[in-house]
Amino acid sequence: MDSGWQAPLMQHVADHIGPVVGIIEVPTPGGGSLGLLHVPPTEDKPFHVLVTAGMSASRMAVPDDVEAPAWAELLLALPPPWPVEEGAFQDAQTAWPLRILASIAALPKAHDAWLGAGHTVPNGDPPAPFVPGLDFCGVLVAPPMILPPEQRTFTRPDGAEVALYALLPLFEREMELKLEQGTGALLKRFDAKGVNDLLNVRRASVAGVLIELLER
């Protein structure tokens, strides 16, 4: 497999997110693993950022009639206290964001599919919580808010355009809202409630019967 994707990715992350201090190997379904680049909190971005390293090694099966990058990597931001060392995998309550990031990055190659901005990925059918006691049961693939638009893609020396997407954990009703009213409606609510790339396990759902009744 051509490894020409590695250096441009590392350079882009270092230039626009921060210095990479390590690569965390995370198990993926099927017995494989995927590396996550770890950028610790910086003055500009006071939180951990994890970026997949390997999803863009393979071209995604983007339909011919869709204008979207055929190569991508995913990122997720975690609060400073969140444990991200290898030992974090011993605790399901802290391991789940890392496992989801790696597992979803492996989906396009495993299923000859593609991921792009606006896609939602449920955790099973029907969607089940990622971990007990936490109602997040799916994710939204979205443009990363921690980066300006011009830094959300980069071009490799071989000419391939690579997109960086953020994963935003969702409640079941938020996934339903996105399917019913579109990604724009969900992102508008996120913006109104200050929901962004930084994982907040204490946040409330921005969708629900009571919320929607109050908005009428």
C-alpha atoms as a PDB file:
ATOM      1  CA  MET A   1       0.000   0.000   0.000  1.00  0.00           C
ATOM      2  CA  ASP A   2       1.306   3.469  -0.900  1.00  0.00           C
ATOM      3  CA  SER A   3       2.320   5.352   2.247  1.00  0.00           C
ATOM      4  CA  GLY A   4       2.462   8.724   0.494  1.00  0.00           C
ATOM      5  CA  TRP A   5      -0.502   9.928   2.558  1.00  0.00           C
ATOM      6  CA  GLN A   6       1.447   9.966   5.826  1.00  0.00           C
ATOM      7  CA  ALA A   7       3.845  12.903   5.494  1.00  0.00           C
ATOM      8  CA  PRO A   8       1.257  15.400   4.108  1.00  0.00           C
ATOM      9  CA  LEU A   9      -1.196  14.471   6.878  1.00  0.00           C
ATOM     10  CA  MET A  10       1.403  14.842   9.627  1.00  0.00           C
ATOM     11  CA  GLN A  11       2.518  18.186   8.202  1.00  0.00           C
ATOM     12  CA  HIS A  12      -1.022  19.538   7.916  1.00  0.00           C
ATOM     13  CA  VAL A  13      -1.862  18.516  11.476  1.00  0.00           C
ATOM     14  CA  ALA A  14       1.354  20.041  12.821  1.00  0.00           C
ATOM     15  CA  ASP A  15       0.832  23.289  10.888  1.00  0.00           C
ATOM     16  CA  HIS A  16      -2.837  23.851  11.690  1.00  0.00           C
ATOM     17  CA  ILE A  17      -3.784  21.850  14.796  1.00  0.00           C
ATOM     18  CA  GLY A  18      -0.614  21.450  16.839  1.00  0.00           C
ATOM     19  CA  PRO A  19       2.430  19.277  17.519  1.00  0.00           C
ATOM     20  CA  VAL A  20       1.825  15.533  17.448  1.00  0.00           C
ATOM     21  CA  VAL A  21       3.240  13.963  20.613  1.00  0.00           C
ATOM     22  CA  GLY A  22       2.314  10.370  19.878  1.00  0.00           C
ATOM     23  CA  ILE A  23       0.258   7.882  17.909  1.00  0.00           C
ATOM     24  CA  ILE A  24      -2.312   5.810  19.796  1.00  0.00           C
ATOM     25  CA  GLU A  25      -3.071   2.429  18.242  1.00  0.00           C
ATOM     26  CA  VAL A  26      -6.786   1.654  18.580  1.00  0.00           C
ATOM     27  CA  PRO A  27      -8.430  -1.713  17.758  1.00  0.00           C
ATOM     28  CA  THR A  28     -10.962  -1.730  14.921  1.00  0.00           C
ATOM     29  CA  PRO A  29     -13.699  -4.247  14.061  1.00  0.00           C
ATOM     30  CA  GLY A  30     -12.298  -7.258  12.254  1.00  0.00           C
ATOM     31  CA  GLY A  31      -9.150  -7.529  14.305  1.00  0.00           C
ATOM     32  CA  GLY A  32      -7.194  -4.633  12.832  1.00  0.00           C
ATOM     33  CA  SER A  33      -6.104  -1.343  14.334  1.00  0.00           C
ATOM     34  CA  LEU A  34      -5.812   2.305  13.373  1.00  0.00           C
ATOM     35  CA  GLY A  35      -3.464   4.977  14.623  1.00  0.00           C
ATOM     36  CA  LEU A  36      -4.743   8.203  16.160  1.00  0.00           C
ATOM     37  CA  LEU A  37      -2.449  11.226  16.069  1.00  0.00           C
ATOM     38  CA  HIS A  38      -2.495  12.889  19.492  1.00  0.00           C
ATOM     39  CA  VAL A  39      -2.189  16.648  19.704  1.00  0.00           C
ATOM     40  CA  PRO A  40      -2.257  17.731  23.378  1.00  0.00           C
ATOM     41  CA  PRO A  41      -3.858  20.982  24.565  1.00  0.00           C
ATOM     42  CA  THR A  42      -2.196  24.135  23.268  1.00  0.00           C
ATOM     43  CA  GLU A  43      -2.696  27.818  24.014  1.00  0.00           C
ATOM     44  CA  ASP A  44      -4.632  28.204  20.767  1.00  0.00           C
ATOM     45  CA  LYS A  45      -6.609  24.967  21.173  1.00  0.00           C
ATOM     46  CA  PRO A  46      -6.897  24.163  24.909  1.00  0.00           C
ATOM     47  CA  PHE A  47      -8.075  20.581  24.459  1.00  0.00           C
ATOM     48  CA  HIS A  48      -6.841  17.242  23.157  1.00  0.00           C
ATOM     49  CA  VAL A  49      -7.296  16.641  19.432  1.00  0.00           C
ATOM     50  CA  LEU A  50      -7.188  13.121  18.015  1.00  0.00           C
ATOM     51  CA  VAL A  51      -6.847  12.690  14.250  1.00  0.00           C
ATOM     52  CA  THR A  52      -7.118   9.361  12.446  1.00  0.00           C
ATOM     53  CA  ALA A  53      -4.010   8.305  10.544  1.00  0.00           C
ATOM     54  CA  GLY A  54      -4.777   5.804   7.835  1.00  0.00           C
ATOM     55  CA  MET A  55      -8.307   6.390   6.603  1.00  0.00           C
ATOM     56  CA  SER A  56      -6.913   8.389   3.660  1.00  0.00           C
ATOM     57  CA  ALA A  57      -4.630   5.533   2.665  1.00  0.00           C
ATOM     58  CA  SER A  58      -7.566   4.159   0.649  1.00  0.00           C
ATOM     59  CA  ARG A  59      -9.878   5.922  -1.787  1.00  0.00           C
ATOM     60  CA  MET A  60     -13.510   6.024  -0.691  1.00  0.00           C
ATOM     61  CA  ALA A  61     -16.256   4.906  -3.071  1.00  0.00           C
ATOM     62  CA  VAL A  62     -17.707   8.372  -3.681  1.00  0.00           C
ATOM     63  CA  PRO A  63     -20.471   8.157  -6.336  1.00  0.00           C
ATOM     64  CA  ASP A  64     -19.667   9.718  -9.701  1.00  0.00           C
ATOM     65  CA  ASP A  65     -22.498  12.245  -9.345  1.00  0.00           C
ATOM     66  CA  VAL A  66     -21.318  13.501  -5.939  1.00  0.00           C
ATOM     67  CA  GLU A  67     -18.790  16.305  -5.566  1.00  0.00           C
ATOM     68  CA  ALA A  68     -16.876  15.378  -2.424  1.00  0.00           C
ATOM     69  CA  PRO A  69     -13.306  14.422  -1.585  1.00  0.00           C
ATOM     70  CA  ALA A  70     -12.619  10.724  -2.078  1.00  0.00           C
ATOM     71  CA  TRP A  71     -10.010  10.739   0.689  1.00  0.00           C
ATOM     72  CA  ALA A  72     -10.607  11.801   4.282  1.00  0.00           C
ATOM     73  CA  GLU A  73      -9.461  11.628   7.877  1.00  0.00           C
ATOM     74  CA  LEU A  74     -11.533  12.168  11.019  1.00  0.00           C
ATOM     75  CA  LEU A  75     -10.898  14.165  14.172  1.00  0.00           C
ATOM     76  CA  LEU A  76     -12.394  14.524  17.605  1.00  0.00           C
ATOM     77  CA  ALA A  77     -11.625  16.992  20.411  1.00  0.00           C
ATOM     78  CA  LEU A  78     -11.611  15.935  24.073  1.00  0.00           C
ATOM     79  CA  PRO A  79     -11.508  18.004  27.288  1.00  0.00           C
ATOM     80  CA  PRO A  80      -8.047  18.413  28.897  1.00  0.00           C
ATOM     81  CA  PRO A  81      -8.747  15.990  31.806  1.00  0.00           C
ATOM     82  CA  TRP A  82      -9.774  13.163  29.447  1.00  0.00           C
ATOM     83  CA  PRO A  83      -7.324  10.226  29.654  1.00  0.00           C
ATOM     84  CA  VAL A  84      -5.968   9.437  26.198  1.00  0.00           C
ATOM     85  CA  GLU A  85      -3.030   7.179  27.041  1.00  0.00           C
ATOM     86  CA  GLU A  86      -3.067   3.506  26.059  1.00  0.00           C
ATOM     87  CA  GLY A  87      -4.359   2.518  29.500  1.00  0.00           C
ATOM     88  CA  ALA A  88      -7.569   4.449  28.832  1.00  0.00           C
ATOM     89  CA  PHE A  89      -8.827   1.368  26.975  1.00  0.00           C
ATOM     90  CA  GLN A  90      -9.245  -0.424  30.273  1.00  0.00           C
ATOM     91  CA  ASP A  91     -12.229   1.792  31.103  1.00  0.00           C
ATOM     92  CA  ALA A  92     -15.205   1.793  28.719  1.00  0.00           C
ATOM     93  CA  GLN A  93     -16.282   5.199  30.027  1.00  0.00           C
ATOM     94  CA  THR A  94     -13.123   6.823  28.644  1.00  0.00           C
ATOM     95  CA  ALA A  95     -12.281   4.511  25.746  1.00  0.00           C
ATOM     96  CA  TRP A  96     -15.459   4.910  23.702  1.00  0.00           C
ATOM     97  CA  PRO A  97     -14.603   8.155  21.820  1.00  0.00           C
ATOM     98  CA  LEU A  98     -11.273   6.696  20.671  1.00  0.00           C
ATOM     99  CA  ARG A  99     -12.849   3.404  19.626  1.00  0.00           C
ATOM    100  CA  ILE A 100     -15.625   5.161  17.707  1.00  0.00           C
ATOM    101  CA  LEU A 101     -13.151   7.395  15.902  1.00  0.00           C
ATOM    102  CA  ALA A 102     -11.107   4.400  14.741  1.00  0.00           C
ATOM    103  CA  SER A 103     -14.110   2.190  13.958  1.00  0.00           C
ATOM    104  CA  ILE A 104     -15.878   4.774  11.823  1.00  0.00           C
ATOM    105  CA  ALA A 105     -12.661   5.593   9.976  1.00  0.00           C
ATOM    106  CA  ALA A 106     -12.475   1.905   9.032  1.00  0.00           C
ATOM    107  CA  LEU A 107     -16.033   1.784   7.643  1.00  0.00           C
ATOM    108  CA  PRO A 108     -15.461   3.052   4.064  1.00  0.00           C
ATOM    109  CA  LYS A 109     -12.768   0.499   3.257  1.00  0.00           C
ATOM    110  CA  ALA A 110     -14.566  -2.365   5.011  1.00  0.00           C
ATOM    111  CA  HIS A 111     -17.879  -1.740   3.240  1.00  0.00           C
ATOM    112  CA  ASP A 112     -16.737  -0.138  -0.042  1.00  0.00           C
ATOM    113  CA  ALA A 113     -18.602   3.012   0.992  1.00  0.00           C
ATOM    114  CA  TRP A 114     -17.845   6.658   1.692  1.00  0.00           C
ATOM    115  CA  LEU A 115     -18.300   9.276   4.385  1.00  0.00           C
ATOM    116  CA  GLY A 116     -18.844  12.973   3.913  1.00  0.00           C
ATOM    117  CA  ALA A 117     -20.167  16.046   5.676  1.00  0.00           C
ATOM    118  CA  GLY A 118     -23.761  15.507   6.814  1.00  0.00           C
ATOM    119  CA  HIS A 119     -23.618  11.728   7.103  1.00  0.00           C
ATOM    120  CA  THR A 120     -24.866  10.182  10.330  1.00  0.00           C
ATOM    121  CA  VAL A 121     -23.704   6.808  11.607  1.00  0.00           C
ATOM    122  CA  PRO A 122     -25.952   5.127  14.225  1.00  0.00           C
ATOM    123  CA  ASN A 123     -24.602   2.665  16.740  1.00  0.00           C
ATOM    124  CA  GLY A 124     -26.598  -0.314  15.525  1.00  0.00           C
ATOM    125  CA  ASP A 125     -30.216  -0.729  14.477  1.00  0.00           C
ATOM    126  CA  PRO A 126     -31.984   0.379  16.579  1.00  0.00           C
ATOM    127  CA  PRO A 127     -29.268   2.727  17.849  1.00  0.00           C
ATOM    128  CA  ALA A 128     -27.835   1.732  21.227  1.00  0.00           C
ATOM    129  CA  PRO A 129     -25.840   3.905  23.655  1.00  0.00           C
ATOM    130  CA  PHE A 130     -22.090   3.733  23.175  1.00  0.00           C
ATOM    131  CA  VAL A 131     -21.684   3.074  26.902  1.00  0.00           C
ATOM    132  CA  PRO A 132     -24.167   2.499  29.741  1.00  0.00           C
ATOM    133  CA  GLY A 133     -25.342   5.671  31.404  1.00  0.00           C
ATOM    134  CA  LEU A 134     -24.646   7.855  28.375  1.00  0.00           C
ATOM    135  CA  ASP A 135     -27.349   8.369  25.756  1.00  0.00           C
ATOM    136  CA  PHE A 136     -25.103   9.197  22.786  1.00  0.00           C
ATOM    137  CA  CYS A 137     -25.917   6.506  20.221  1.00  0.00           C
ATOM    138  CA  GLY A 138     -24.640   7.846  16.905  1.00  0.00           C
ATOM    139  CA  VAL A 139     -22.395  10.458  15.323  1.00  0.00           C
ATOM    140  CA  LEU A 140     -22.620  13.220  12.766  1.00  0.00           C
ATOM    141  CA  VAL A 141     -19.806  13.683  10.257  1.00  0.00           C
ATOM    142  CA  ALA A 142     -19.342  17.453   9.994  1.00  0.00           C
ATOM    143  CA  PRO A 143     -16.832  20.132   8.994  1.00  0.00           C
ATOM    144  CA  PRO A 144     -14.525  20.699  11.989  1.00  0.00           C
ATOM    145  CA  MET A 145     -15.380  23.944  13.733  1.00  0.00           C
ATOM    146  CA  ILE A 146     -11.915  24.147  15.309  1.00  0.00           C
ATOM    147  CA  LEU A 147     -10.483  24.825  11.841  1.00  0.00           C
ATOM    148  CA  PRO A 148     -11.320  27.620   9.386  1.00  0.00           C
ATOM    149  CA  PRO A 149     -12.717  26.449   6.021  1.00  0.00           C
ATOM    150  CA  GLU A 150      -9.388  26.797   4.191  1.00  0.00           C
ATOM    151  CA  GLN A 151      -7.738  24.358   6.632  1.00  0.00           C
ATOM    152  CA  ARG A 152     -10.375  21.633   6.408  1.00  0.00           C
ATOM    153  CA  THR A 153      -8.820  20.098   3.305  1.00  0.00           C
ATOM    154  CA  PHE A 154      -5.313  19.713   1.969  1.00  0.00           C
ATOM    155  CA  THR A 155      -3.823  18.498  -1.294  1.00  0.00           C
ATOM    156  CA  ARG A 156      -1.208  15.758  -1.360  1.00  0.00           C
ATOM    157  CA  PRO A 157       1.722  15.784  -3.767  1.00  0.00           C
ATOM    158  CA  ASP A 158      -0.107  13.198  -5.878  1.00  0.00           C
ATOM    159  CA  GLY A 159      -2.949  15.710  -6.356  1.00  0.00           C
ATOM    160  CA  ALA A 160      -5.480  13.971  -4.118  1.00  0.00           C
ATOM    161  CA  GLU A 161      -7.644  16.289  -2.033  1.00  0.00           C
ATOM    162  CA  VAL A 162      -8.020  15.054   1.546  1.00  0.00           C
ATOM    163  CA  ALA A 163     -10.851  16.292   3.765  1.00  0.00           C
ATOM    164  CA  LEU A 164     -10.767  16.542   7.532  1.00  0.00           C
ATOM    165  CA  TYR A 165     -14.119  15.847   9.176  1.00  0.00           C
ATOM    166  CA  ALA A 166     -15.145  16.056  12.820  1.00  0.00           C
ATOM    167  CA  LEU A 167     -17.278  13.452  14.567  1.00  0.00           C
ATOM    168  CA  LEU A 168     -20.043  14.883  16.750  1.00  0.00           C
ATOM    169  CA  PRO A 169     -21.756  12.368  19.084  1.00  0.00           C
ATOM    170  CA  LEU A 170     -25.555  12.481  18.803  1.00  0.00           C
ATOM    171  CA  PHE A 171     -28.634  11.515  20.753  1.00  0.00           C
ATOM    172  CA  GLU A 172     -31.224   9.401  18.967  1.00  0.00           C
ATOM    173  CA  ARG A 173     -33.697  12.256  18.574  1.00  0.00           C
ATOM    174  CA  GLU A 174     -30.944  14.455  17.105  1.00  0.00           C
ATOM    175  CA  MET A 175     -30.327  11.819  14.430  1.00  0.00           C
ATOM    176  CA  GLU A 176     -34.044  11.734  13.707  1.00  0.00           C
ATOM    177  CA  LEU A 177     -34.156  15.536  13.466  1.00  0.00           C
ATOM    178  CA  LYS A 178     -31.299  15.496  10.981  1.00  0.00           C
ATOM    179  CA  LEU A 179     -33.114  12.937   8.812  1.00  0.00           C
ATOM    180  CA  GLU A 180     -36.394  14.851   9.033  1.00  0.00           C
ATOM    181  CA  GLN A 181     -35.164  18.436   8.577  1.00  0.00           C
ATOM    182  CA  GLY A 182     -31.638  18.140   7.229  1.00  0.00           C
ATOM    183  CA  THR A 183     -28.141  18.726   8.510  1.00  0.00           C
ATOM    184  CA  GLY A 184     -28.568  22.498   8.411  1.00  0.00           C
ATOM    185  CA  ALA A 185     -31.415  22.399  10.924  1.00  0.00           C
ATOM    186  CA  LEU A 186     -29.379  20.319  13.343  1.00  0.00           C
ATOM    187  CA  LEU A 187     -26.249  22.468  12.990  1.00  0.00           C
ATOM    188  CA  LYS A 188     -28.345  25.598  13.550  1.00  0.00           C
ATOM    189  CA  ARG A 189     -29.496  24.195  16.884  1.00  0.00           C
ATOM    190  CA  PHE A 190     -25.956  23.202  17.764  1.00  0.00           C
ATOM    191  CA  ASP A 191     -24.802  26.747  17.085  1.00  0.00           C
ATOM    192  CA  ALA A 192     -27.593  28.193  19.227  1.00  0.00           C
ATOM    193  CA  LYS A 193     -26.667  25.918  22.148  1.00  0.00           C
ATOM    194  CA  GLY A 194     -22.892  26.219  21.769  1.00  0.00           C
ATOM    195  CA  VAL A 195     -22.380  22.604  20.728  1.00  0.00           C
ATOM    196  CA  ASN A 196     -19.102  22.202  18.843  1.00  0.00           C
ATOM    197  CA  ASP A 197     -16.252  19.757  18.154  1.00  0.00           C
ATOM    198  CA  LEU A 198     -15.268  19.554  21.829  1.00  0.00           C
ATOM    199  CA  LEU A 199     -16.941  16.527  23.391  1.00  0.00           C
ATOM    200  CA  ASN A 200     -19.248  17.447  26.276  1.00  0.00           C
ATOM    201  CA  VAL A 201     -20.758  14.364  27.895  1.00  0.00           C
ATOM    202  CA  ARG A 202     -22.951  16.557  30.099  1.00  0.00           C
ATOM    203  CA  ARG A 203     -24.665  18.445  27.304  1.00  0.00           C
ATOM    204  CA  ALA A 204     -28.405  18.170  26.814  1.00  0.00           C
ATOM    205  CA  SER A 205     -30.056  17.112  23.577  1.00  0.00           C
ATOM    206  CA  VAL A 206     -30.913  19.965  21.219  1.00  0.00           C
ATOM    207  CA  ALA A 207     -33.920  17.993  19.938  1.00  0.00           C
ATOM    208  CA  GLY A 208     -36.924  16.427  21.566  1.00  0.00           C
ATOM    209  CA  VAL A 209     -40.698  16.667  21.754  1.00  0.00           C
ATOM    210  CA  LEU A 210     -40.749  19.276  24.526  1.00  0.00           C
ATOM    211  CA  ILE A 211     -38.068  21.419  22.875  1.00  0.00           C
ATOM    212  CA  GLU A 212     -39.909  21.323  19.551  1.00  0.00           C
ATOM    213  CA  LEU A 213     -43.240  22.230  21.159  1.00  0.00           C
ATOM    214  CA  LEU A 214     -41.659  25.237  22.848  1.00  0.00           C
ATOM    215  CA  GLU A 215     -40.215  26.423  19.544  1.00  0.00           C
ATOM    216  CA  ARG A 216     -43.580  26.521  17.784  1.00  0.00           C
END
